[in-house]
C-alpha cells in the first residue's frame, strides 16, 4: 500500500500530542507517495531535514495516510 506524508514543524513549547497542522510553524505536504508506512515515515524525516526549516527549538512530526484517502481538513492525521 502506498502512503503520502505531511510534516508539521512545531516549536518545543508545543507538546508532541498537540503538534498538528493548526499548531505548526510550518506544514509540508509531500507529493510523492511512499511504498509502505515505514518508508513514509523515513521519507518524511528526510524531507524535514532537507527542508532547512528546522531551527533550534523546533522538531518535526510526520503524519502518514494511505494514498488516495481524503480527509475533511486535508491534513493526514491517521498515523503518528
N, C-alpha and C. Protein backbone atom coordinates (compact mmCIF):
# COMPACT_ATOMS: atom_id res chain seq x y z
N UNK A 1 0.85 -1.17 0.00
CA UNK A 1 0.00 0.00 0.00
C UNK A 1 0.89 1.24 0.00
N UNK A 2 0.51 2.24 -0.77
CA UNK A 2 1.24 3.49 -0.82
C UNK A 2 0.70 4.47 0.22
N UNK A 3 1.61 5.26 0.77
CA UNK A 3 1.26 6.27 1.77
C UNK A 3 1.81 7.62 1.33
N UNK A 4 1.12 8.69 1.70
CA UNK A 4 1.63 10.04 1.49
C UNK A 4 1.86 10.68 2.85
N UNK A 5 2.82 11.56 2.90
CA UNK A 5 3.23 12.16 4.18
C UNK A 5 3.01 13.67 4.17
N UNK A 6 2.88 14.20 5.35
CA UNK A 6 2.93 15.63 5.60
C UNK A 6 3.74 15.80 6.87
N UNK A 7 4.47 16.89 6.93
CA UNK A 7 5.35 17.15 8.07
C UNK A 7 4.89 18.42 8.76
N UNK A 8 4.71 18.33 10.05
CA UNK A 8 4.45 19.50 10.88
C UNK A 8 5.75 19.84 11.60
N UNK A 9 6.18 21.07 11.50
CA UNK A 9 7.34 21.52 12.25
C UNK A 9 6.82 22.42 13.36
N UNK A 10 7.01 21.95 14.59
CA UNK A 10 6.46 22.64 15.76
C UNK A 10 7.58 23.12 16.68
N UNK A 11 7.26 24.11 17.48
CA UNK A 11 8.18 24.61 18.48
C UNK A 11 8.22 23.64 19.66
N UNK A 12 9.35 23.60 20.36
CA UNK A 12 9.47 22.73 21.53
C UNK A 12 8.42 23.04 22.60
N UNK A 13 7.90 24.26 22.62
CA UNK A 13 6.89 24.63 23.61
C UNK A 13 5.55 23.93 23.36
N UNK A 14 5.35 23.40 22.17
CA UNK A 14 4.12 22.68 21.83
C UNK A 14 4.33 21.21 22.18
N UNK A 15 3.50 20.62 23.04
CA UNK A 15 3.63 19.20 23.33
C UNK A 15 3.43 18.36 22.06
N UNK A 16 4.13 17.25 21.96
CA UNK A 16 4.07 16.40 20.76
C UNK A 16 2.63 16.01 20.43
N UNK A 17 1.85 15.70 21.44
CA UNK A 17 0.46 15.30 21.20
C UNK A 17 -0.37 16.42 20.58
N UNK A 18 0.03 17.67 20.77
CA UNK A 18 -0.70 18.81 20.23
C UNK A 18 -0.11 19.35 18.94
N UNK A 19 0.98 18.79 18.49
CA UNK A 19 1.62 19.23 17.25
C UNK A 19 0.79 18.72 16.07
N UNK A 20 0.18 19.63 15.35
CA UNK A 20 -0.65 19.30 14.19
C UNK A 20 -0.63 20.49 13.24
N UNK A 21 -1.41 20.40 12.19
CA UNK A 21 -1.39 21.45 11.17
C UNK A 21 -1.68 22.83 11.76
N UNK A 22 -2.65 22.93 12.65
CA UNK A 22 -3.05 24.24 13.18
C UNK A 22 -2.06 24.82 14.19
N UNK A 23 -1.18 24.00 14.76
CA UNK A 23 -0.23 24.50 15.75
C UNK A 23 1.20 24.53 15.22
N UNK A 24 1.40 24.09 13.99
CA UNK A 24 2.75 24.01 13.42
C UNK A 24 3.23 25.37 12.95
N UNK A 25 4.53 25.56 13.02
CA UNK A 25 5.16 26.75 12.47
C UNK A 25 5.21 26.61 10.94
N UNK A 26 5.45 25.39 10.47
CA UNK A 26 5.47 25.07 9.04
C UNK A 26 4.72 23.77 8.83
N UNK A 27 4.04 23.65 7.69
CA UNK A 27 3.34 22.42 7.30
C UNK A 27 3.79 22.08 5.89
N UNK A 28 4.39 20.89 5.72
CA UNK A 28 4.94 20.50 4.44
C UNK A 28 4.30 19.21 3.92
N UNK A 29 3.38 19.30 2.97
CA UNK A 29 2.88 18.07 2.37
C UNK A 29 3.91 17.51 1.39
N UNK A 30 4.05 16.21 1.37
CA UNK A 30 4.98 15.54 0.45
C UNK A 30 4.16 14.96 -0.69
N UNK A 31 4.47 15.33 -1.90
CA UNK A 31 3.64 14.95 -3.04
C UNK A 31 3.88 13.53 -3.53
N UNK A 32 5.08 13.00 -3.36
CA UNK A 32 5.40 11.67 -3.84
C UNK A 32 5.00 10.61 -2.82
N UNK A 33 4.21 9.62 -3.22
CA UNK A 33 3.84 8.56 -2.27
C UNK A 33 5.02 7.64 -1.97
N UNK A 34 4.98 7.04 -0.81
CA UNK A 34 5.98 6.07 -0.38
C UNK A 34 5.35 4.69 -0.35
N UNK A 35 6.16 3.68 -0.58
CA UNK A 35 5.67 2.31 -0.52
C UNK A 35 5.80 1.82 0.92
N UNK A 36 4.70 1.73 1.61
CA UNK A 36 4.70 1.24 2.99
C UNK A 36 4.80 2.36 4.00
N UNK A 37 4.32 2.06 5.18
CA UNK A 37 4.29 3.04 6.27
C UNK A 37 5.70 3.40 6.75
N UNK A 38 6.57 2.42 6.87
CA UNK A 38 7.94 2.70 7.33
C UNK A 38 8.65 3.63 6.36
N UNK A 39 8.49 3.40 5.06
CA UNK A 39 9.11 4.28 4.07
C UNK A 39 8.52 5.68 4.14
N UNK A 40 7.23 5.78 4.40
CA UNK A 40 6.59 7.09 4.52
C UNK A 40 7.19 7.87 5.68
N UNK A 41 7.35 7.22 6.82
CA UNK A 41 7.93 7.89 7.98
C UNK A 41 9.38 8.31 7.71
N UNK A 42 10.15 7.40 7.11
CA UNK A 42 11.55 7.71 6.78
C UNK A 42 11.62 8.86 5.79
N UNK A 43 10.84 8.79 4.72
CA UNK A 43 10.85 9.85 3.71
C UNK A 43 10.43 11.19 4.31
N UNK A 44 9.48 11.16 5.24
CA UNK A 44 9.06 12.39 5.90
C UNK A 44 10.17 13.01 6.73
N UNK A 45 10.91 12.19 7.47
CA UNK A 45 12.02 12.71 8.28
C UNK A 45 13.14 13.25 7.39
N UNK A 46 13.43 12.55 6.30
CA UNK A 46 14.46 13.03 5.36
C UNK A 46 14.02 14.36 4.76
N UNK A 47 12.76 14.45 4.36
CA UNK A 47 12.26 15.70 3.78
C UNK A 47 12.31 16.84 4.78
N UNK A 48 12.01 16.56 6.04
CA UNK A 48 12.09 17.59 7.08
C UNK A 48 13.52 18.11 7.22
N UNK A 49 14.48 17.19 7.22
CA UNK A 49 15.88 17.59 7.35
C UNK A 49 16.35 18.39 6.13
N UNK A 50 15.93 17.98 4.96
CA UNK A 50 16.34 18.68 3.73
C UNK A 50 15.64 20.02 3.55
N UNK A 51 14.54 20.23 4.22
CA UNK A 51 13.77 21.47 4.04
C UNK A 51 14.51 22.69 4.56
N UNK A 52 15.41 22.48 5.49
CA UNK A 52 16.15 23.57 6.14
C UNK A 52 15.25 24.52 6.91
N UNK A 53 14.08 24.04 7.27
CA UNK A 53 13.14 24.86 8.06
C UNK A 53 13.28 24.62 9.55
N UNK A 54 14.00 23.57 9.93
CA UNK A 54 14.19 23.29 11.35
C UNK A 54 15.21 24.24 11.94
N UNK A 55 14.84 24.86 13.03
CA UNK A 55 15.74 25.75 13.74
C UNK A 55 15.84 25.27 15.18
N UNK A 56 16.74 25.85 15.95
CA UNK A 56 16.85 25.48 17.35
C UNK A 56 15.51 25.63 18.04
N UNK A 57 15.09 24.62 18.75
CA UNK A 57 13.81 24.68 19.44
C UNK A 57 12.65 24.14 18.63
N UNK A 58 12.88 23.70 17.40
CA UNK A 58 11.83 23.12 16.56
C UNK A 58 12.01 21.61 16.48
N UNK A 59 10.93 20.91 16.18
CA UNK A 59 11.03 19.48 15.92
C UNK A 59 10.01 19.10 14.84
N UNK A 60 10.33 18.07 14.05
CA UNK A 60 9.38 17.63 13.02
C UNK A 60 8.50 16.50 13.54
N UNK A 61 7.29 16.45 13.06
CA UNK A 61 6.38 15.34 13.34
C UNK A 61 5.79 14.93 11.99
N UNK A 62 5.93 13.66 11.65
CA UNK A 62 5.50 13.15 10.35
C UNK A 62 4.12 12.51 10.50
N UNK A 63 3.23 12.85 9.60
CA UNK A 63 1.91 12.25 9.52
C UNK A 63 1.83 11.49 8.20
N UNK A 64 1.36 10.25 8.24
CA UNK A 64 1.21 9.44 7.03
C UNK A 64 -0.24 8.96 6.92
N UNK A 65 -0.71 8.91 5.69
CA UNK A 65 -2.04 8.36 5.42
C UNK A 65 -1.98 7.59 4.12
N UNK A 66 -2.89 6.63 3.94
CA UNK A 66 -2.91 5.89 2.68
C UNK A 66 -3.14 6.83 1.50
N UNK A 67 -2.42 6.61 0.41
CA UNK A 67 -2.58 7.42 -0.79
C UNK A 67 -4.00 7.29 -1.31
N UNK A 68 -4.56 8.38 -1.76
CA UNK A 68 -5.91 8.38 -2.30
C UNK A 68 -6.99 8.62 -1.27
N UNK A 69 -6.66 8.54 0.01
CA UNK A 69 -7.66 8.78 1.06
C UNK A 69 -7.73 10.27 1.33
N UNK A 70 -8.91 10.81 1.37
CA UNK A 70 -9.09 12.23 1.64
C UNK A 70 -9.64 12.41 3.04
N UNK A 71 -9.21 13.49 3.67
CA UNK A 71 -9.72 13.82 5.00
C UNK A 71 -10.48 15.13 4.91
N UNK A 72 -11.30 15.40 5.88
CA UNK A 72 -12.15 16.59 5.86
C UNK A 72 -11.34 17.88 5.79
N UNK A 73 -10.25 17.95 6.54
CA UNK A 73 -9.46 19.19 6.55
C UNK A 73 -8.19 19.07 5.72
N UNK A 74 -8.07 18.01 4.94
CA UNK A 74 -6.91 17.76 4.07
C UNK A 74 -5.62 17.59 4.84
N UNK A 75 -5.70 17.30 6.11
CA UNK A 75 -4.49 17.06 6.88
C UNK A 75 -4.42 15.58 7.26
N UNK A 76 -3.35 14.90 6.89
CA UNK A 76 -3.24 13.48 7.23
C UNK A 76 -2.96 13.31 8.72
N UNK A 77 -3.91 12.80 9.46
CA UNK A 77 -3.77 12.66 10.91
C UNK A 77 -3.96 11.22 11.35
N UNK A 78 -3.86 10.27 10.44
CA UNK A 78 -4.17 8.90 10.79
C UNK A 78 -3.09 8.21 11.59
N UNK A 79 -1.84 8.45 11.27
CA UNK A 79 -0.74 7.73 11.89
C UNK A 79 0.31 8.71 12.37
N UNK A 80 0.78 8.48 13.56
CA UNK A 80 1.84 9.35 14.10
C UNK A 80 3.13 8.59 14.07
